[in-house]
Amino acid sequence: MGIEIERKFLVDHEQWRQLSKPAGKHYRQGYILSDDIKTIRVRVTDEHGYITIKGKTKGISRLEYEYTIPVNEGVELLNNFATSELEKTRYCISYEGKIWEVDDFLGENQGLLVAEIELEDEAETFKLPPWITVEVTGDKKYYNSALSLNPFKGWSK
């Protein structure tokens, strides 16, 4: 059984711009199904496709099953079955022994920077990078599935 334990944070734009970072990876992702109980997501990059099934979030944990699929099949699934979609560039940043995935959203979500950290245990401690601002774990408007339906530009100030 796969379990995802994840926390999300907003990123300071100025510090992010100044940060030395590796090349990002472009993601196109869409949702075949997304409700309060389960999500079925398809993602494609230039090299890989993925189909992911996630369960209901309890605290900061949820069931997660992710499988690699051919890119062309991922694109076909997105084009024919996704009911909503978004695009982003993802950067993987190492800080104090942890990998932070920072998503720089594109399109109608442009201007939103969200950092995620996956943990081994809900009680696990870690140091926050200086470019982190507010924690948004559990704030549903920052869920990718929600951003695909109600983009950041529609509700940000």
N, C-alpha and C. Protein backbone atom coordinates (compact mmCIF):
# COMPACT_ATOMS: atom_id res chain seq x y z
N MET A 1 0.85 -1.18 0.00
CA MET A 1 0.00 0.00 0.00
C MET A 1 0.89 1.23 0.00
N GLY A 2 0.63 2.18 -0.90
CA GLY A 2 1.39 3.42 -0.96
C GLY A 2 0.73 4.49 -0.12
N ILE A 3 1.53 5.17 0.67
CA ILE A 3 1.01 6.28 1.47
C ILE A 3 1.84 7.52 1.19
N GLU A 4 1.17 8.61 0.90
CA GLU A 4 1.82 9.90 0.70
C GLU A 4 1.60 10.74 1.95
N ILE A 5 2.70 11.23 2.51
CA ILE A 5 2.65 12.15 3.65
C ILE A 5 3.33 13.42 3.18
N GLU A 6 2.56 14.50 3.07
CA GLU A 6 3.05 15.69 2.38
C GLU A 6 2.61 16.96 3.08
N ARG A 7 3.50 17.95 3.09
CA ARG A 7 3.13 19.29 3.56
C ARG A 7 3.43 20.28 2.45
N LYS A 8 2.61 21.35 2.38
CA LYS A 8 2.71 22.36 1.32
C LYS A 8 2.93 23.73 1.92
N PHE A 9 3.71 24.54 1.20
CA PHE A 9 4.04 25.89 1.65
C PHE A 9 4.09 26.83 0.44
N LEU A 10 3.79 28.09 0.69
CA LEU A 10 3.99 29.11 -0.33
C LEU A 10 5.45 29.53 -0.33
N VAL A 11 5.88 30.07 -1.46
CA VAL A 11 7.28 30.44 -1.66
C VAL A 11 7.38 31.95 -1.88
N ASP A 12 8.38 32.56 -1.24
CA ASP A 12 8.66 33.98 -1.42
C ASP A 12 9.23 34.20 -2.82
N HIS A 13 8.57 35.00 -3.63
CA HIS A 13 8.95 35.21 -5.03
C HIS A 13 10.35 35.82 -5.17
N GLU A 14 10.65 36.82 -4.38
CA GLU A 14 11.95 37.49 -4.50
C GLU A 14 13.10 36.54 -4.15
N GLN A 15 12.97 35.84 -3.05
CA GLN A 15 14.03 34.90 -2.67
C GLN A 15 14.14 33.76 -3.69
N TRP A 16 13.02 33.33 -4.24
CA TRP A 16 13.03 32.26 -5.24
C TRP A 16 13.78 32.71 -6.49
N ARG A 17 13.55 33.93 -6.94
CA ARG A 17 14.24 34.45 -8.12
C ARG A 17 15.75 34.46 -7.91
N GLN A 18 16.18 34.75 -6.70
CA GLN A 18 17.61 34.86 -6.42
C GLN A 18 18.27 33.51 -6.15
N LEU A 19 17.48 32.47 -5.94
CA LEU A 19 18.00 31.16 -5.58
C LEU A 19 18.63 30.46 -6.79
N SER A 20 19.81 29.91 -6.59
CA SER A 20 20.44 29.07 -7.61
C SER A 20 19.69 27.73 -7.60
N LYS A 21 19.17 27.33 -8.75
CA LYS A 21 18.35 26.11 -8.79
C LYS A 21 18.65 25.31 -10.06
N PRO A 22 18.38 24.02 -10.01
CA PRO A 22 18.57 23.20 -11.21
C PRO A 22 17.50 23.50 -12.25
N ALA A 23 17.67 22.94 -13.43
CA ALA A 23 16.64 23.09 -14.47
C ALA A 23 15.34 22.48 -13.98
N GLY A 24 14.26 23.12 -14.34
CA GLY A 24 12.95 22.60 -13.99
C GLY A 24 12.44 21.64 -15.04
N LYS A 25 11.39 20.91 -14.68
CA LYS A 25 10.77 19.96 -15.59
C LYS A 25 9.32 20.39 -15.81
N HIS A 26 8.92 20.49 -17.08
CA HIS A 26 7.56 20.90 -17.42
C HIS A 26 6.60 19.73 -17.22
N TYR A 27 5.48 20.02 -16.55
CA TYR A 27 4.42 19.03 -16.33
C TYR A 27 3.13 19.54 -16.94
N ARG A 28 2.45 18.65 -17.62
CA ARG A 28 1.06 18.85 -18.00
C ARG A 28 0.30 17.80 -17.21
N GLN A 29 -0.68 18.21 -16.43
CA GLN A 29 -1.42 17.22 -15.65
C GLN A 29 -2.91 17.53 -15.68
N GLY A 30 -3.68 16.46 -15.71
CA GLY A 30 -5.12 16.59 -15.75
C GLY A 30 -5.78 15.55 -14.88
N TYR A 31 -7.05 15.77 -14.67
CA TYR A 31 -7.82 14.96 -13.73
C TYR A 31 -8.95 14.24 -14.45
N ILE A 32 -8.94 12.92 -14.34
CA ILE A 32 -10.01 12.10 -14.88
C ILE A 32 -11.17 12.07 -13.89
N LEU A 33 -10.81 12.06 -12.60
CA LEU A 33 -11.80 12.07 -11.52
C LEU A 33 -11.19 12.79 -10.33
N SER A 34 -11.98 13.65 -9.72
CA SER A 34 -11.50 14.31 -8.51
C SER A 34 -12.71 14.70 -7.66
N ASP A 35 -12.79 14.08 -6.48
CA ASP A 35 -13.81 14.45 -5.51
C ASP A 35 -13.19 14.38 -4.12
N ASP A 36 -13.99 14.48 -3.08
CA ASP A 36 -13.44 14.49 -1.72
C ASP A 36 -12.88 13.14 -1.27
N ILE A 37 -13.21 12.08 -1.99
CA ILE A 37 -12.81 10.74 -1.57
C ILE A 37 -11.64 10.18 -2.37
N LYS A 38 -11.56 10.55 -3.66
CA LYS A 38 -10.52 9.98 -4.51
C LYS A 38 -10.20 10.91 -5.68
N THR A 39 -8.99 10.72 -6.20
CA THR A 39 -8.52 11.48 -7.36
C THR A 39 -7.80 10.53 -8.30
N ILE A 40 -8.08 10.66 -9.59
CA ILE A 40 -7.33 9.95 -10.61
C ILE A 40 -6.72 11.01 -11.52
N ARG A 41 -5.39 11.03 -11.51
CA ARG A 41 -4.64 12.08 -12.20
C ARG A 41 -3.73 11.45 -13.26
N VAL A 42 -3.54 12.19 -14.36
CA VAL A 42 -2.58 11.81 -15.40
C VAL A 42 -1.60 12.96 -15.54
N ARG A 43 -0.30 12.61 -15.61
CA ARG A 43 0.76 13.60 -15.81
C ARG A 43 1.64 13.18 -16.96
N VAL A 44 2.13 14.18 -17.69
CA VAL A 44 3.16 13.90 -18.70
C VAL A 44 4.27 14.95 -18.60
N THR A 45 5.49 14.45 -18.81
CA THR A 45 6.67 15.29 -18.99
C THR A 45 7.20 14.95 -20.38
N ASP A 46 8.34 15.50 -20.74
CA ASP A 46 8.93 15.14 -22.03
C ASP A 46 9.34 13.68 -22.09
N GLU A 47 9.70 13.10 -20.93
CA GLU A 47 10.23 11.75 -20.91
C GLU A 47 9.27 10.67 -20.43
N HIS A 48 8.30 11.03 -19.59
CA HIS A 48 7.48 10.01 -18.94
C HIS A 48 6.02 10.43 -18.85
N GLY A 49 5.17 9.42 -18.73
CA GLY A 49 3.78 9.63 -18.39
C GLY A 49 3.50 8.90 -17.09
N TYR A 50 2.50 9.37 -16.36
CA TYR A 50 2.15 8.75 -15.08
C TYR A 50 0.65 8.77 -14.91
N ILE A 51 0.14 7.72 -14.30
CA ILE A 51 -1.25 7.73 -13.84
C ILE A 51 -1.19 7.51 -12.33
N THR A 52 -1.92 8.35 -11.60
CA THR A 52 -1.86 8.32 -10.14
C THR A 52 -3.27 8.26 -9.59
N ILE A 53 -3.44 7.41 -8.60
CA ILE A 53 -4.71 7.28 -7.89
C ILE A 53 -4.45 7.66 -6.43
N LYS A 54 -5.19 8.63 -5.93
CA LYS A 54 -5.01 9.09 -4.55
C LYS A 54 -6.33 8.96 -3.80
N GLY A 55 -6.20 8.61 -2.53
CA GLY A 55 -7.37 8.50 -1.66
C GLY A 55 -7.63 9.79 -0.91
N LYS A 56 -8.60 9.71 -0.01
CA LYS A 56 -8.99 10.85 0.81
C LYS A 56 -7.86 11.24 1.77
N THR A 57 -7.63 12.53 1.90
CA THR A 57 -6.61 13.03 2.81
C THR A 57 -7.11 12.94 4.24
N LYS A 58 -6.25 12.37 5.11
CA LYS A 58 -6.54 12.29 6.55
C LYS A 58 -5.33 12.88 7.25
N GLY A 59 -5.51 14.06 7.82
CA GLY A 59 -4.36 14.79 8.38
C GLY A 59 -3.50 15.27 7.23
N ILE A 60 -2.27 14.78 7.15
CA ILE A 60 -1.41 15.11 6.02
C ILE A 60 -1.06 13.86 5.21
N SER A 61 -1.83 12.79 5.40
CA SER A 61 -1.55 11.51 4.73
C SER A 61 -2.73 11.09 3.86
N ARG A 62 -2.40 10.32 2.84
CA ARG A 62 -3.43 9.69 2.02
C ARG A 62 -2.82 8.54 1.23
N LEU A 63 -3.67 7.62 0.84
CA LEU A 63 -3.22 6.53 -0.01
C LEU A 63 -2.83 7.10 -1.37
N GLU A 64 -1.75 6.56 -1.94
CA GLU A 64 -1.32 7.01 -3.27
C GLU A 64 -0.69 5.84 -4.02
N TYR A 65 -1.12 5.67 -5.26
CA TYR A 65 -0.57 4.65 -6.15
C TYR A 65 -0.23 5.35 -7.45
N GLU A 66 1.04 5.28 -7.86
CA GLU A 66 1.46 5.95 -9.09
C GLU A 66 2.18 4.95 -9.99
N TYR A 67 1.85 5.00 -11.28
CA TYR A 67 2.40 4.06 -12.25
C TYR A 67 2.90 4.83 -13.47
N THR A 68 4.06 4.42 -13.96
CA THR A 68 4.62 5.00 -15.18
C THR A 68 3.88 4.41 -16.38
N ILE A 69 3.54 5.29 -17.32
CA ILE A 69 2.89 4.88 -18.56
C ILE A 69 3.64 5.56 -19.72
N PRO A 70 3.51 5.06 -20.94
CA PRO A 70 4.15 5.73 -22.07
C PRO A 70 3.62 7.16 -22.24
N VAL A 71 4.50 8.07 -22.63
CA VAL A 71 4.12 9.49 -22.80
C VAL A 71 2.94 9.62 -23.75
N ASN A 72 2.98 8.91 -24.88
CA ASN A 72 1.90 9.06 -25.86
C ASN A 72 0.55 8.63 -25.28
N GLU A 73 0.55 7.61 -24.41
CA GLU A 73 -0.70 7.19 -23.78
C GLU A 73 -1.15 8.23 -22.75
N GLY A 74 -0.21 8.84 -22.05
CA GLY A 74 -0.55 9.92 -21.12
C GLY A 74 -1.22 11.08 -21.84
N VAL A 75 -0.65 11.46 -22.98
CA VAL A 75 -1.22 12.56 -23.77
C VAL A 75 -2.62 12.19 -24.26
N GLU A 76 -2.78 10.95 -24.72
CA GLU A 76 -4.11 10.50 -25.17
C GLU A 76 -5.12 10.54 -24.03
N LEU A 77 -4.71 10.08 -22.84
CA LEU A 77 -5.62 10.13 -21.69
C LEU A 77 -5.99 11.57 -21.35
N LEU A 78 -5.01 12.46 -21.35
CA LEU A 78 -5.30 13.87 -21.07
C LEU A 78 -6.26 14.45 -22.11
N ASN A 79 -5.97 14.19 -23.37
CA ASN A 79 -6.79 14.76 -24.45
C ASN A 79 -8.20 14.21 -24.49
N ASN A 80 -8.39 12.95 -24.09
CA ASN A 80 -9.69 12.30 -24.25
C ASN A 80 -10.50 12.11 -22.98
N PHE A 81 -9.84 12.17 -21.81
CA PHE A 81 -10.56 11.84 -20.58
C PHE A 81 -10.45 12.87 -19.46
N ALA A 82 -9.46 13.75 -19.51
CA ALA A 82 -9.30 14.74 -18.42
C ALA A 82 -10.44 15.75 -18.46
N THR A 83 -11.01 16.00 -17.29
CA THR A 83 -12.09 16.98 -17.18
C THR A 83 -11.56 18.36 -16.80
N SER A 84 -10.33 18.42 -16.30
CA SER A 84 -9.66 19.68 -15.98
C SER A 84 -8.17 19.44 -16.05
N GLU A 85 -7.42 20.55 -16.21
CA GLU A 85 -6.00 20.41 -16.46
C GLU A 85 -5.24 21.64 -15.97
N LEU A 86 -3.94 21.46 -15.73
CA LEU A 86 -3.04 22.59 -15.44
C LEU A 86 -1.65 22.25 -15.91
N GLU A 87 -0.80 23.30 -15.96
CA GLU A 87 0.60 23.13 -16.34
C GLU A 87 1.48 23.85 -15.34
N LYS A 88 2.68 23.30 -15.16
CA LYS A 88 3.62 23.88 -14.21
C LYS A 88 5.03 23.43 -14.55
N THR A 89 5.99 24.15 -14.00
CA THR A 89 7.38 23.74 -14.04
C THR A 89 7.76 23.35 -12.63
N ARG A 90 8.34 22.16 -12.49
CA ARG A 90 8.71 21.66 -11.16
C ARG A 90 10.23 21.67 -11.01
N TYR A 91 10.66 22.18 -9.86
CA TYR A 91 12.07 22.21 -9.50
C TYR A 91 12.26 21.35 -8.26
N CYS A 92 13.29 20.51 -8.26
CA CYS A 92 13.63 19.70 -7.09
C CYS A 92 14.85 20.31 -6.42
N ILE A 93 14.66 20.78 -5.20
CA ILE A 93 15.70 21.51 -4.46
C ILE A 93 16.05 20.71 -3.20
N SER A 94 17.32 20.46 -3.02
CA SER A 94 17.78 19.79 -1.80
C SER A 94 18.09 20.84 -0.74
N TYR A 95 17.54 20.63 0.46
CA TYR A 95 17.80 21.55 1.57
C TYR A 95 17.82 20.75 2.86
N GLU A 96 18.94 20.82 3.57
CA GLU A 96 19.09 20.18 4.89
C GLU A 96 18.68 18.70 4.85
N GLY A 97 19.13 18.00 3.78
CA GLY A 97 18.88 16.57 3.69
C GLY A 97 17.51 16.17 3.19
N LYS A 98 16.70 17.11 2.78
CA LYS A 98 15.35 16.83 2.27
C LYS A 98 15.22 17.38 0.85
N ILE A 99 14.36 16.75 0.07
CA ILE A 99 14.06 17.24 -1.27
C ILE A 99 12.74 18.01 -1.23
N TRP A 100 12.80 19.24 -1.68
CA TRP A 100 11.63 20.09 -1.80
C TRP A 100 11.27 20.17 -3.28
N GLU A 101 10.00 19.90 -3.59
CA GLU A 101 9.50 20.06 -4.95
C GLU A 101 8.76 21.38 -5.02
N VAL A 102 9.28 22.28 -5.84
CA VAL A 102 8.69 23.62 -5.97
C VAL A 102 8.03 23.71 -7.33
N ASP A 103 6.73 23.99 -7.32
CA ASP A 103 5.96 24.13 -8.55
C ASP A 103 5.74 25.59 -8.86
N ASP A 104 6.19 25.97 -10.05
CA ASP A 104 5.98 27.31 -10.60
C ASP A 104 4.87 27.14 -11.64
N PHE A 105 3.67 27.55 -11.27
CA PHE A 105 2.50 27.29 -12.10
C PHE A 105 2.45 28.20 -13.31
N LEU A 106 1.84 27.72 -14.37
CA LEU A 106 1.73 28.42 -15.64
C LEU A 106 0.26 28.69 -15.96
N GLY A 107 0.04 29.39 -17.05
CA GLY A 107 -1.32 29.65 -17.52
C GLY A 107 -2.12 30.46 -16.52
N GLU A 108 -3.34 30.03 -16.24
CA GLU A 108 -4.23 30.74 -15.33
C GLU A 108 -3.78 30.67 -13.87
N ASN A 109 -2.80 29.84 -13.60
CA ASN A 109 -2.24 29.75 -12.24
C ASN A 109 -0.88 30.44 -12.14
N GLN A 110 -0.49 31.15 -13.18
CA GLN A 110 0.81 31.84 -13.19
C GLN A 110 0.88 32.83 -12.03
N GLY A 111 2.04 32.86 -11.39
CA GLY A 111 2.23 33.72 -10.23
C GLY A 111 2.18 32.94 -8.93
N LEU A 112 1.75 31.70 -8.98
CA LEU A 112 1.68 30.86 -7.79
C LEU A 112 2.91 29.97 -7.72
N LEU A 113 3.59 30.01 -6.58
CA LEU A 113 4.74 29.16 -6.30
C LEU A 113 4.42 28.36 -5.04
N VAL A 114 4.40 27.03 -5.16
CA VAL A 114 4.08 26.16 -4.03
C VAL A 114 5.20 25.14 -3.87
N ALA A 115 5.68 24.99 -2.63
CA ALA A 115 6.71 24.00 -2.31
C ALA A 115 6.07 22.86 -1.52
N GLU A 116 6.45 21.65 -1.87
CA GLU A 116 5.95 20.47 -1.16
C GLU A 116 7.13 19.68 -0.64
N ILE A 117 6.94 19.07 0.51
CA ILE A 117 7.93 18.15 1.06
C ILE A 117 7.21 16.88 1.45
N GLU A 118 7.75 15.74 0.99
CA GLU A 118 7.19 14.45 1.37
C GLU A 118 7.96 13.92 2.56
N LEU A 119 7.22 13.38 3.51
CA LEU A 119 7.79 12.91 4.77
C LEU A 119 7.61 11.42 4.93
N GLU A 120 8.42 10.82 5.79
CA GLU A 120 8.31 9.41 6.11
C GLU A 120 7.25 9.15 7.18
N ASP A 121 6.99 10.19 8.00
CA ASP A 121 6.09 10.06 9.15
C ASP A 121 5.44 11.42 9.38
N GLU A 122 4.19 11.44 9.82
CA GLU A 122 3.50 12.71 10.05
C GLU A 122 4.20 13.57 11.10
N ALA A 123 4.89 12.95 12.05
CA ALA A 123 5.55 13.69 13.12
C ALA A 123 7.00 14.07 12.78
N GLU A 124 7.45 13.72 11.59
CA GLU A 124 8.83 14.01 11.19
C GLU A 124 9.11 15.52 11.22
N THR A 125 10.27 15.88 11.75
CA THR A 125 10.67 17.29 11.78
C THR A 125 11.63 17.57 10.65
N PHE A 126 11.67 18.84 10.24
CA PHE A 126 12.55 19.27 9.15
C PHE A 126 12.76 20.77 9.28
N LYS A 127 13.80 21.27 8.63
CA LYS A 127 14.08 22.71 8.65
C LYS A 127 13.47 23.34 7.41
N LEU A 128 12.87 24.51 7.61
CA LEU A 128 12.29 25.25 6.50
C LEU A 128 13.37 26.04 5.78
N PRO A 129 13.40 25.98 4.44
CA PRO A 129 14.31 26.84 3.70
C PRO A 129 13.93 28.31 3.90
N PRO A 130 14.86 29.23 3.74
CA PRO A 130 14.55 30.65 3.95
C PRO A 130 13.54 31.21 2.94
N TRP A 131 13.34 30.54 1.82
CA TRP A 131 12.42 31.03 0.79
C TRP A 131 10.98 30.55 1.01
N ILE A 132 10.72 29.83 2.09
CA ILE A 132 9.37 29.38 2.44
C ILE A 132 8.66 30.49 3.22
N THR A 133 7.36 30.66 2.96
CA THR A 133 6.58 31.64 3.72
C THR A 133 5.51 30.91 4.54
N VAL A 134 4.30 30.85 4.05
CA VAL A 134 3.15 30.36 4.80
C VAL A 134 2.86 28.89 4.48
N GLU A 135 2.53 28.11 5.50
CA GLU A 135 2.10 26.74 5.25
C GLU A 135 0.65 26.74 4.78
N VAL A 136 0.39 25.96 3.72
CA VAL A 136 -0.97 25.87 3.16
C VAL A 136 -1.45 24.41 3.10
N THR A 137 -0.77 23.54 3.85
CA THR A 137 -1.21 22.14 3.94
C THR A 137 -2.67 22.13 4.41
N GLY A 138 -3.49 21.40 3.71
CA GLY A 138 -4.89 21.29 4.11
C GLY A 138 -5.80 22.38 3.56
N ASP A 139 -5.23 23.43 2.97
CA ASP A 139 -6.04 24.48 2.36
C ASP A 139 -6.38 24.01 0.95
N LYS A 140 -7.60 23.57 0.77
CA LYS A 140 -8.01 22.89 -0.47
C LYS A 140 -7.85 23.74 -1.72
N LYS A 141 -7.88 25.06 -1.59
CA LYS A 141 -7.74 25.87 -2.81
C LYS A 141 -6.36 25.73 -3.43
N TYR A 142 -5.38 25.22 -2.66
CA TYR A 142 -4.03 25.02 -3.18
C TYR A 142 -3.80 23.59 -3.68
N TYR A 143 -4.78 22.72 -3.58
CA TYR A 143 -4.67 21.39 -4.16
C TYR A 143 -4.59 21.55 -5.68
N ASN A 144 -3.75 20.81 -6.33
CA ASN A 144 -3.63 20.90 -7.78
C ASN A 144 -4.97 20.64 -8.47
N SER A 145 -5.71 19.67 -7.96
CA SER A 145 -7.01 19.37 -8.57
C SER A 145 -7.94 20.58 -8.48
N ALA A 146 -7.89 21.32 -7.36
CA ALA A 146 -8.71 22.52 -7.20
C ALA A 146 -8.22 23.63 -8.12
N LEU A 147 -6.90 23.78 -8.24
CA LEU A 147 -6.33 24.81 -9.11
C LEU A 147 -6.66 24.57 -10.58
N SER A 148 -6.88 23.30 -10.95
CA SER A 148 -7.25 23.00 -12.33
C SER A 148 -8.68 23.46 -12.64
N LEU A 149 -9.51 23.59 -11.60
CA LEU A 149 -10.90 24.03 -11.77
C LEU A 149 -11.12 25.49 -11.42
N ASN A 150 -10.41 25.96 -10.40
CA ASN A 150 -10.55 27.33 -9.91
C ASN A 150 -9.15 27.95 -9.81
N PRO A 151 -8.63 28.42 -10.96
CA PRO A 151 -7.24 28.87 -11.01
C PRO A 151 -6.93 30.06 -10.10
N PHE A 152 -5.68 30.14 -9.74
CA PHE A 152 -5.13 31.17 -8.87
C PHE A 152 -5.50 32.59 -9.31
N LYS A 153 -5.46 32.86 -10.60
CA LYS A 153 -5.77 34.21 -11.08
C LYS A 153 -7.19 34.64 -10.75
N GLY A 154 -8.09 33.68 -10.54
CA GLY A 154 -9.47 34.00 -10.24
C GLY A 154 -9.71 34.42 -8.79
N TRP A 155 -8.79 34.09 -7.87
CA TRP A 155 -9.03 34.39 -6.45
C TRP A 155 -7.86 35.06 -5.75
N SER A 156 -6.72 35.21 -6.43
CA SER A 156 -5.57 35.87 -5.78
C SER A 156 -5.75 37.38 -5.79
N LYS A 157 -5.04 38.03 -4.88
CA LYS A 157 -5.15 39.49 -4.79
C LYS A 157 -4.01 40.16 -5.50
